[in-house]
Amino acid sequence: MEQVAQGINSNQFNVYPAPKYSIDLLNRQFKTKLVYGKAVNHSNAYPMFNKKADPKLVKAVNKAMEELKKDGTIKKLSNKWLKGDYVPKD
């Protein structure tokens, strides 16, 4: 992240495709002045398993993730660890 911030702050490049939490992290920690642009990916997938993963396990994890999202646990964790609400909206 530090190298990315150095590249941005030195005008080596002026675009950095990243999720919102990464942009916020760069702006907070390294004083970059990045702004959000148009999203290029609209996936709400959680990249936890490869395509060969056990379908029963994937289904169980997806169900648990949905329950954690509904009860606000994921939002609380996002705010605590990422310093913002980065839970995908349905």
Protein backbone atom coordinates (compact mmCIF):
# COMPACT_ATOMS: atom_id res chain seq x y z
CA MET A 1 0.00 0.00 0.00
CA GLU A 2 2.87 2.34 0.77
CA GLN A 3 4.27 1.91 -2.76
CA VAL A 4 0.84 2.62 -4.24
CA ALA A 5 0.57 5.78 -2.14
CA GLN A 6 4.05 6.89 -3.21
CA GLY A 7 3.14 6.39 -6.86
CA ILE A 8 -0.04 8.39 -6.48
CA ASN A 9 1.53 11.19 -4.44
CA SER A 10 4.45 11.52 -6.89
CA ASN A 11 2.07 11.62 -9.89
CA GLN A 12 3.63 8.44 -11.28
CA PHE A 13 0.02 7.36 -11.85
CA ASN A 14 -3.36 8.84 -11.03
CA VAL A 15 -5.74 5.90 -11.17
CA TYR A 16 -5.90 3.00 -8.75
CA PRO A 17 -8.64 0.41 -9.23
CA ALA A 18 -9.53 -0.81 -5.76
CA PRO A 19 -12.48 -1.43 -3.49
CA LYS A 20 -13.77 1.50 -1.47
CA TYR A 21 -12.16 0.33 1.78
CA SER A 22 -8.71 0.33 0.13
CA ILE A 23 -9.23 3.87 -1.16
CA ASP A 24 -10.27 5.01 2.33
CA LEU A 25 -7.25 3.26 3.85
CA LEU A 26 -4.86 4.96 1.43
CA ASN A 27 -6.41 8.36 2.08
CA ARG A 28 -6.26 7.90 5.87
CA GLN A 29 -2.83 6.36 6.24
CA PHE A 30 -0.87 7.95 3.42
CA LYS A 31 -2.66 11.26 2.87
CA THR A 32 -3.55 10.49 -0.74
CA LYS A 33 -6.47 12.39 -2.21
CA LEU A 34 -8.18 9.61 -4.12
CA VAL A 35 -11.85 9.93 -4.97
CA TYR A 36 -14.27 7.19 -5.87
CA GLY A 37 -15.13 6.66 -9.48
CA LYS A 38 -17.57 4.43 -11.25
CA ALA A 39 -17.52 0.82 -10.08
CA VAL A 40 -16.22 -1.66 -12.63
CA ASN A 41 -17.37 -4.75 -10.79
CA HIS A 42 -20.79 -5.21 -9.22
CA SER A 43 -20.24 -8.62 -7.67
CA ASN A 44 -21.40 -9.25 -4.12
CA ALA A 45 -19.50 -12.53 -4.02
CA TYR A 46 -17.19 -13.36 -1.16
CA PRO A 47 -13.97 -14.76 -2.67
CA MET A 48 -13.54 -17.60 -0.22
CA PHE A 49 -13.69 -20.78 -2.28
CA ASN A 50 -12.51 -21.99 -5.63
CA LYS A 51 -14.91 -23.56 -8.11
CA LYS A 52 -14.05 -27.07 -6.94
CA ALA A 53 -15.03 -26.45 -3.31
CA ASP A 54 -17.54 -28.74 -1.66
CA PRO A 55 -21.00 -27.42 -2.69
CA LYS A 56 -22.48 -28.26 0.74
CA LEU A 57 -19.76 -26.27 2.47
CA VAL A 58 -20.22 -23.32 0.12
CA LYS A 59 -23.99 -23.37 0.74
CA ALA A 60 -23.49 -23.52 4.52
CA VAL A 61 -21.01 -20.63 4.49
CA ASN A 62 -23.26 -18.54 2.23
CA LYS A 63 -26.18 -19.14 4.60
CA ALA A 64 -24.10 -18.18 7.63
CA MET A 65 -22.79 -15.06 5.88
CA GLU A 66 -26.35 -14.00 5.01
CA GLU A 67 -27.41 -14.45 8.65
CA LEU A 68 -24.42 -12.40 9.85
CA LYS A 69 -25.29 -9.71 7.33
CA LYS A 70 -28.95 -9.62 8.41
CA ASP A 71 -28.17 -9.36 12.13
CA GLY A 72 -25.62 -6.59 11.58
CA THR A 73 -22.53 -8.53 12.62
CA ILE A 74 -20.71 -8.03 9.31
CA LYS A 75 -21.44 -4.30 9.38
CA LYS A 76 -20.06 -4.05 12.92
CA LEU A 77 -16.91 -5.93 11.89
CA SER A 78 -16.53 -3.77 8.79
CA ASN A 79 -16.78 -0.60 10.86
CA LYS A 80 -14.37 -1.92 13.48
CA TRP A 81 -11.66 -3.32 11.22
CA LEU A 82 -12.06 -1.37 7.97
CA LYS A 83 -13.25 1.91 9.53
CA GLY A 84 -16.39 2.06 7.39
CA ASP A 85 -19.46 0.16 6.20
CA TYR A 86 -18.32 -1.87 3.21
CA VAL A 87 -21.07 -4.49 3.30
CA PRO A 88 -22.45 -5.02 -0.22
CA LYS A 89 -25.97 -3.72 -0.69
CA ASP A 90 -28.52 -6.11 -2.15
